[in-house]
């Protein structure tokens, strides 16, 4: 998902519409074709995404599981400091329950 701000800045042309169910309820949103690069040779070409009015004031792209499932993705909150990290390609299996962390 991208924000309408991204659509305006990049001058994207709509491809069509998709019915989307989310925190806003059901809505028909415009779709756009984009390519996304996360660096280190990790790129996703010709993806069809929807545009929403606002994701947050600071964030204009929301990655879905179609991308996240191809990475190692972790969120930790040690010492009340939230950190997120991604790694590609995957190098190890991380299972907090097997590590004895509940």
N, C-alpha and C. Protein backbone atom coordinates (compact mmCIF):
# COMPACT_ATOMS: atom_id res chain seq x y z
N UNK A 1 0.85 -1.17 0.00
CA UNK A 1 0.00 0.00 0.00
C UNK A 1 0.89 1.23 0.00
N UNK A 2 0.50 2.23 -0.75
CA UNK A 2 1.20 3.51 -0.76
C UNK A 2 0.21 4.61 -0.44
N UNK A 3 0.73 5.75 -0.03
CA UNK A 3 -0.16 6.88 0.26
C UNK A 3 -0.47 7.63 -1.03
N UNK A 4 -1.56 8.38 -1.02
CA UNK A 4 -1.89 9.21 -2.17
C UNK A 4 -0.82 10.27 -2.39
N UNK A 5 -0.10 10.63 -1.33
CA UNK A 5 1.01 11.59 -1.46
C UNK A 5 2.09 11.03 -2.40
N UNK A 6 2.41 9.75 -2.26
CA UNK A 6 3.39 9.11 -3.15
C UNK A 6 2.88 9.14 -4.58
N UNK A 7 1.60 8.85 -4.77
CA UNK A 7 1.00 8.87 -6.11
C UNK A 7 1.19 10.25 -6.74
N UNK A 8 0.89 11.30 -5.97
CA UNK A 8 1.01 12.67 -6.49
C UNK A 8 2.46 13.04 -6.79
N UNK A 9 3.38 12.74 -5.87
CA UNK A 9 4.79 13.10 -6.05
C UNK A 9 5.38 12.41 -7.27
N UNK A 10 5.04 11.13 -7.47
CA UNK A 10 5.60 10.36 -8.59
C UNK A 10 4.80 10.48 -9.87
N UNK A 11 3.61 11.09 -9.80
CA UNK A 11 2.77 11.24 -10.99
C UNK A 11 2.29 9.91 -11.54
N UNK A 12 1.94 8.97 -10.64
CA UNK A 12 1.52 7.64 -11.08
C UNK A 12 0.15 7.67 -11.76
N UNK A 13 -0.02 6.79 -12.72
CA UNK A 13 -1.28 6.66 -13.46
C UNK A 13 -2.00 5.42 -12.94
N UNK A 14 -3.30 5.55 -12.59
CA UNK A 14 -4.03 4.38 -12.07
C UNK A 14 -4.16 3.28 -13.11
N UNK A 15 -4.09 2.02 -12.62
CA UNK A 15 -4.31 0.85 -13.47
C UNK A 15 -5.76 0.39 -13.41
N UNK A 16 -6.38 0.58 -12.26
CA UNK A 16 -7.76 0.12 -12.05
C UNK A 16 -8.15 0.35 -10.61
N UNK A 17 -9.04 -0.53 -10.12
CA UNK A 17 -9.50 -0.45 -8.74
C UNK A 17 -9.53 -1.84 -8.13
N UNK A 18 -9.40 -1.88 -6.79
CA UNK A 18 -9.49 -3.15 -6.07
C UNK A 18 -10.32 -2.94 -4.81
N UNK A 19 -11.10 -3.94 -4.46
CA UNK A 19 -11.87 -3.91 -3.22
C UNK A 19 -10.94 -4.35 -2.10
N UNK A 20 -10.75 -3.47 -1.11
CA UNK A 20 -9.81 -3.71 -0.02
C UNK A 20 -10.55 -3.67 1.30
N UNK A 21 -10.24 -4.66 2.16
CA UNK A 21 -10.80 -4.70 3.51
C UNK A 21 -9.67 -4.42 4.49
N UNK A 22 -9.85 -3.44 5.36
CA UNK A 22 -8.81 -3.09 6.32
C UNK A 22 -9.39 -2.35 7.50
N UNK A 23 -8.53 -1.62 8.21
CA UNK A 23 -8.97 -0.90 9.39
C UNK A 23 -10.03 0.14 9.06
N UNK A 24 -10.09 0.56 7.80
CA UNK A 24 -11.06 1.57 7.37
C UNK A 24 -12.39 0.94 6.96
N UNK A 25 -12.50 -0.39 7.00
CA UNK A 25 -13.67 -1.09 6.49
C UNK A 25 -13.41 -1.50 5.05
N UNK A 26 -14.48 -1.68 4.28
CA UNK A 26 -14.35 -2.06 2.88
C UNK A 26 -14.33 -0.80 2.02
N UNK A 27 -13.44 -0.80 1.02
CA UNK A 27 -13.37 0.36 0.12
C UNK A 27 -12.80 -0.08 -1.22
N UNK A 28 -13.26 0.59 -2.28
CA UNK A 28 -12.67 0.41 -3.60
C UNK A 28 -11.55 1.44 -3.73
N UNK A 29 -10.32 0.98 -3.85
CA UNK A 29 -9.18 1.88 -3.94
C UNK A 29 -8.51 1.76 -5.30
N UNK A 30 -7.95 2.85 -5.76
CA UNK A 30 -7.22 2.83 -7.03
C UNK A 30 -5.95 1.99 -6.89
N UNK A 31 -5.60 1.29 -7.98
CA UNK A 31 -4.37 0.50 -8.01
C UNK A 31 -3.36 1.16 -8.93
N UNK A 32 -2.08 0.91 -8.62
CA UNK A 32 -0.97 1.49 -9.38
C UNK A 32 0.11 0.44 -9.56
N UNK A 33 0.90 0.55 -10.61
CA UNK A 33 2.03 -0.32 -10.82
C UNK A 33 3.30 0.35 -10.32
N UNK A 34 4.03 -0.33 -9.47
CA UNK A 34 5.28 0.23 -8.92
C UNK A 34 6.35 -0.85 -8.85
N UNK A 35 7.58 -0.41 -8.75
CA UNK A 35 8.71 -1.28 -8.43
C UNK A 35 9.29 -0.78 -7.12
N UNK A 36 9.65 -1.71 -6.24
CA UNK A 36 10.13 -1.35 -4.90
C UNK A 36 11.51 -1.97 -4.71
N UNK A 37 12.47 -1.15 -4.27
CA UNK A 37 13.81 -1.64 -3.96
C UNK A 37 14.09 -1.41 -2.48
N UNK A 38 14.54 -2.46 -1.81
CA UNK A 38 14.89 -2.36 -0.40
C UNK A 38 16.40 -2.36 -0.20
N UNK A 39 17.16 -2.25 -1.28
CA UNK A 39 18.62 -2.23 -1.20
C UNK A 39 19.20 -3.63 -1.18
N UNK A 40 20.52 -3.73 -1.23
CA UNK A 40 21.25 -4.99 -1.19
C UNK A 40 20.75 -5.98 -2.23
N UNK A 41 20.36 -5.48 -3.40
CA UNK A 41 19.93 -6.35 -4.48
C UNK A 41 18.52 -6.90 -4.33
N UNK A 42 17.77 -6.41 -3.37
CA UNK A 42 16.42 -6.90 -3.14
C UNK A 42 15.42 -5.94 -3.77
N UNK A 43 14.79 -6.37 -4.85
CA UNK A 43 13.85 -5.52 -5.57
C UNK A 43 12.64 -6.33 -5.99
N UNK A 44 11.52 -5.66 -6.06
CA UNK A 44 10.25 -6.25 -6.48
C UNK A 44 9.72 -5.39 -7.62
N UNK A 45 9.67 -5.96 -8.82
CA UNK A 45 9.28 -5.20 -10.00
C UNK A 45 7.82 -5.42 -10.36
N UNK A 46 7.24 -4.39 -10.93
CA UNK A 46 5.89 -4.45 -11.49
C UNK A 46 4.85 -4.98 -10.50
N UNK A 47 4.85 -4.43 -9.30
CA UNK A 47 3.86 -4.83 -8.29
C UNK A 47 2.64 -3.94 -8.41
N UNK A 48 1.46 -4.53 -8.25
CA UNK A 48 0.24 -3.74 -8.24
C UNK A 48 -0.10 -3.43 -6.78
N UNK A 49 -0.20 -2.15 -6.45
CA UNK A 49 -0.46 -1.70 -5.09
C UNK A 49 -1.69 -0.81 -5.08
N UNK A 50 -2.28 -0.64 -3.90
CA UNK A 50 -3.40 0.29 -3.74
C UNK A 50 -2.88 1.54 -3.06
N UNK A 51 -3.62 2.64 -3.26
CA UNK A 51 -3.27 3.90 -2.62
C UNK A 51 -4.36 4.28 -1.63
N UNK A 52 -3.93 4.73 -0.45
CA UNK A 52 -4.86 5.17 0.60
C UNK A 52 -4.59 6.64 0.90
N UNK A 53 -5.59 7.31 1.48
CA UNK A 53 -5.45 8.73 1.79
C UNK A 53 -4.24 8.98 2.69
N UNK A 54 -4.17 8.30 3.83
CA UNK A 54 -3.07 8.50 4.77
C UNK A 54 -2.73 7.17 5.41
N UNK A 55 -1.48 6.83 5.43
CA UNK A 55 -1.05 5.67 6.21
C UNK A 55 -0.72 6.19 7.60
N UNK A 56 0.28 7.04 7.72
CA UNK A 56 0.54 7.87 8.91
C UNK A 56 1.18 9.14 8.39
N UNK A 57 1.34 10.12 9.25
CA UNK A 57 1.98 11.37 8.83
C UNK A 57 3.43 11.16 8.43
N UNK A 58 4.08 10.13 8.98
CA UNK A 58 5.49 9.90 8.73
C UNK A 58 5.78 8.77 7.75
N UNK A 59 4.80 7.92 7.49
CA UNK A 59 5.03 6.73 6.66
C UNK A 59 4.11 6.75 5.45
N UNK A 60 4.69 6.46 4.29
CA UNK A 60 3.91 6.53 3.06
C UNK A 60 3.88 5.22 2.28
N UNK A 61 4.52 4.18 2.82
CA UNK A 61 4.52 2.86 2.19
C UNK A 61 4.31 1.82 3.27
N UNK A 62 3.41 0.88 3.02
CA UNK A 62 3.16 -0.22 3.95
C UNK A 62 3.48 -1.51 3.20
N UNK A 63 4.52 -2.23 3.66
CA UNK A 63 4.89 -3.49 3.03
C UNK A 63 3.95 -4.59 3.48
N UNK A 64 3.50 -5.40 2.55
CA UNK A 64 2.61 -6.51 2.87
C UNK A 64 3.37 -7.82 3.00
N UNK A 65 2.65 -8.86 3.36
CA UNK A 65 3.26 -10.17 3.55
C UNK A 65 3.82 -10.74 2.25
N UNK A 66 3.36 -10.27 1.10
CA UNK A 66 3.92 -10.73 -0.16
C UNK A 66 5.40 -10.37 -0.25
N UNK A 67 5.81 -9.29 0.38
CA UNK A 67 7.23 -8.90 0.44
C UNK A 67 7.88 -9.42 1.71
N UNK A 68 7.26 -9.19 2.87
CA UNK A 68 7.85 -9.57 4.16
C UNK A 68 8.16 -11.06 4.21
N UNK A 69 7.32 -11.89 3.61
CA UNK A 69 7.53 -13.35 3.67
C UNK A 69 8.78 -13.80 2.92
N UNK A 70 9.38 -12.94 2.14
CA UNK A 70 10.60 -13.29 1.41
C UNK A 70 11.87 -12.85 2.16
N UNK A 71 11.71 -12.27 3.36
CA UNK A 71 12.82 -11.74 4.15
C UNK A 71 12.84 -12.40 5.52
N UNK A 72 13.93 -12.21 6.25
CA UNK A 72 13.91 -12.41 7.70
C UNK A 72 13.52 -11.06 8.26
N UNK A 73 12.49 -11.03 9.07
CA UNK A 73 11.95 -9.77 9.61
C UNK A 73 11.75 -9.96 11.10
N UNK A 74 12.30 -9.07 11.91
CA UNK A 74 12.16 -9.20 13.36
C UNK A 74 11.88 -7.83 13.99
N UNK A 75 11.08 -7.86 15.04
CA UNK A 75 10.82 -6.68 15.86
C UNK A 75 11.17 -7.07 17.29
N UNK A 76 12.03 -6.30 17.93
CA UNK A 76 12.39 -6.56 19.32
C UNK A 76 12.14 -5.29 20.13
N UNK A 77 12.02 -5.47 21.45
CA UNK A 77 11.74 -4.34 22.32
C UNK A 77 12.55 -4.44 23.61
N UNK A 78 13.81 -4.81 23.53
CA UNK A 78 14.67 -4.92 24.70
C UNK A 78 14.90 -3.53 25.30
N UNK A 79 14.88 -3.47 26.61
CA UNK A 79 15.09 -2.21 27.35
C UNK A 79 14.13 -1.12 26.87
N UNK A 80 12.91 -1.54 26.49
CA UNK A 80 11.86 -0.63 26.03
C UNK A 80 12.28 0.22 24.82
N UNK A 81 13.18 -0.34 24.02
CA UNK A 81 13.59 0.31 22.77
C UNK A 81 13.19 -0.62 21.62
N UNK A 82 12.21 -0.19 20.83
CA UNK A 82 11.72 -1.02 19.74
C UNK A 82 12.64 -0.87 18.53
N UNK A 83 13.09 -2.03 18.04
CA UNK A 83 13.97 -2.08 16.88
C UNK A 83 13.37 -3.06 15.88
N UNK A 84 13.36 -2.68 14.61
CA UNK A 84 12.96 -3.63 13.57
C UNK A 84 14.16 -3.82 12.65
N UNK A 85 14.28 -5.03 12.14
CA UNK A 85 15.37 -5.30 11.22
C UNK A 85 14.91 -6.31 10.17
N UNK A 86 15.52 -6.19 9.00
CA UNK A 86 15.26 -7.15 7.93
C UNK A 86 16.60 -7.67 7.43
N UNK A 87 16.54 -8.87 6.90
CA UNK A 87 17.75 -9.47 6.33
C UNK A 87 17.35 -10.26 5.10
N UNK A 88 18.14 -10.15 4.06
CA UNK A 88 17.94 -10.90 2.84
C UNK A 88 19.29 -11.20 2.24
N UNK A 89 19.59 -12.39 1.86
CA UNK A 89 18.76 -13.58 2.04
C UNK A 89 18.80 -14.06 3.49
N UNK A 90 17.90 -14.96 3.79
CA UNK A 90 17.82 -15.53 5.13
C UNK A 90 19.10 -16.31 5.43
N UNK A 91 19.54 -16.23 6.70
CA UNK A 91 20.76 -16.97 7.05
C UNK A 91 20.55 -17.96 8.19
N UNK A 92 19.45 -17.82 8.92
CA UNK A 92 19.21 -18.73 10.05
C UNK A 92 17.74 -18.69 10.44
N UNK A 93 17.29 -19.76 11.08
CA UNK A 93 15.93 -19.81 11.60
C UNK A 93 15.93 -19.20 13.01
N UNK A 94 15.01 -18.28 13.24
CA UNK A 94 14.86 -17.66 14.56
C UNK A 94 13.50 -18.10 15.11
N UNK A 95 13.51 -18.79 16.24
CA UNK A 95 12.26 -19.22 16.87
C UNK A 95 12.38 -18.92 18.37
N UNK A 96 11.74 -17.85 18.80
CA UNK A 96 11.85 -17.40 20.18
C UNK A 96 11.33 -18.46 21.16
N UNK A 97 10.32 -19.23 20.78
CA UNK A 97 9.81 -20.28 21.69
C UNK A 97 10.84 -21.39 21.86
N UNK A 98 11.50 -21.80 20.78
CA UNK A 98 12.54 -22.83 20.90
C UNK A 98 13.72 -22.32 21.72
N UNK A 99 13.93 -21.02 21.74
CA UNK A 99 15.03 -20.43 22.49
C UNK A 99 14.66 -20.28 23.97
N UNK A 100 13.42 -20.67 24.33
CA UNK A 100 12.97 -20.57 25.70
C UNK A 100 12.52 -19.17 26.09
N UNK A 101 12.21 -18.35 25.09
CA UNK A 101 11.75 -16.99 25.33
C UNK A 101 10.25 -16.97 25.09
N UNK A 102 9.49 -16.64 26.11
CA UNK A 102 8.03 -16.60 25.98
C UNK A 102 7.54 -15.22 25.65
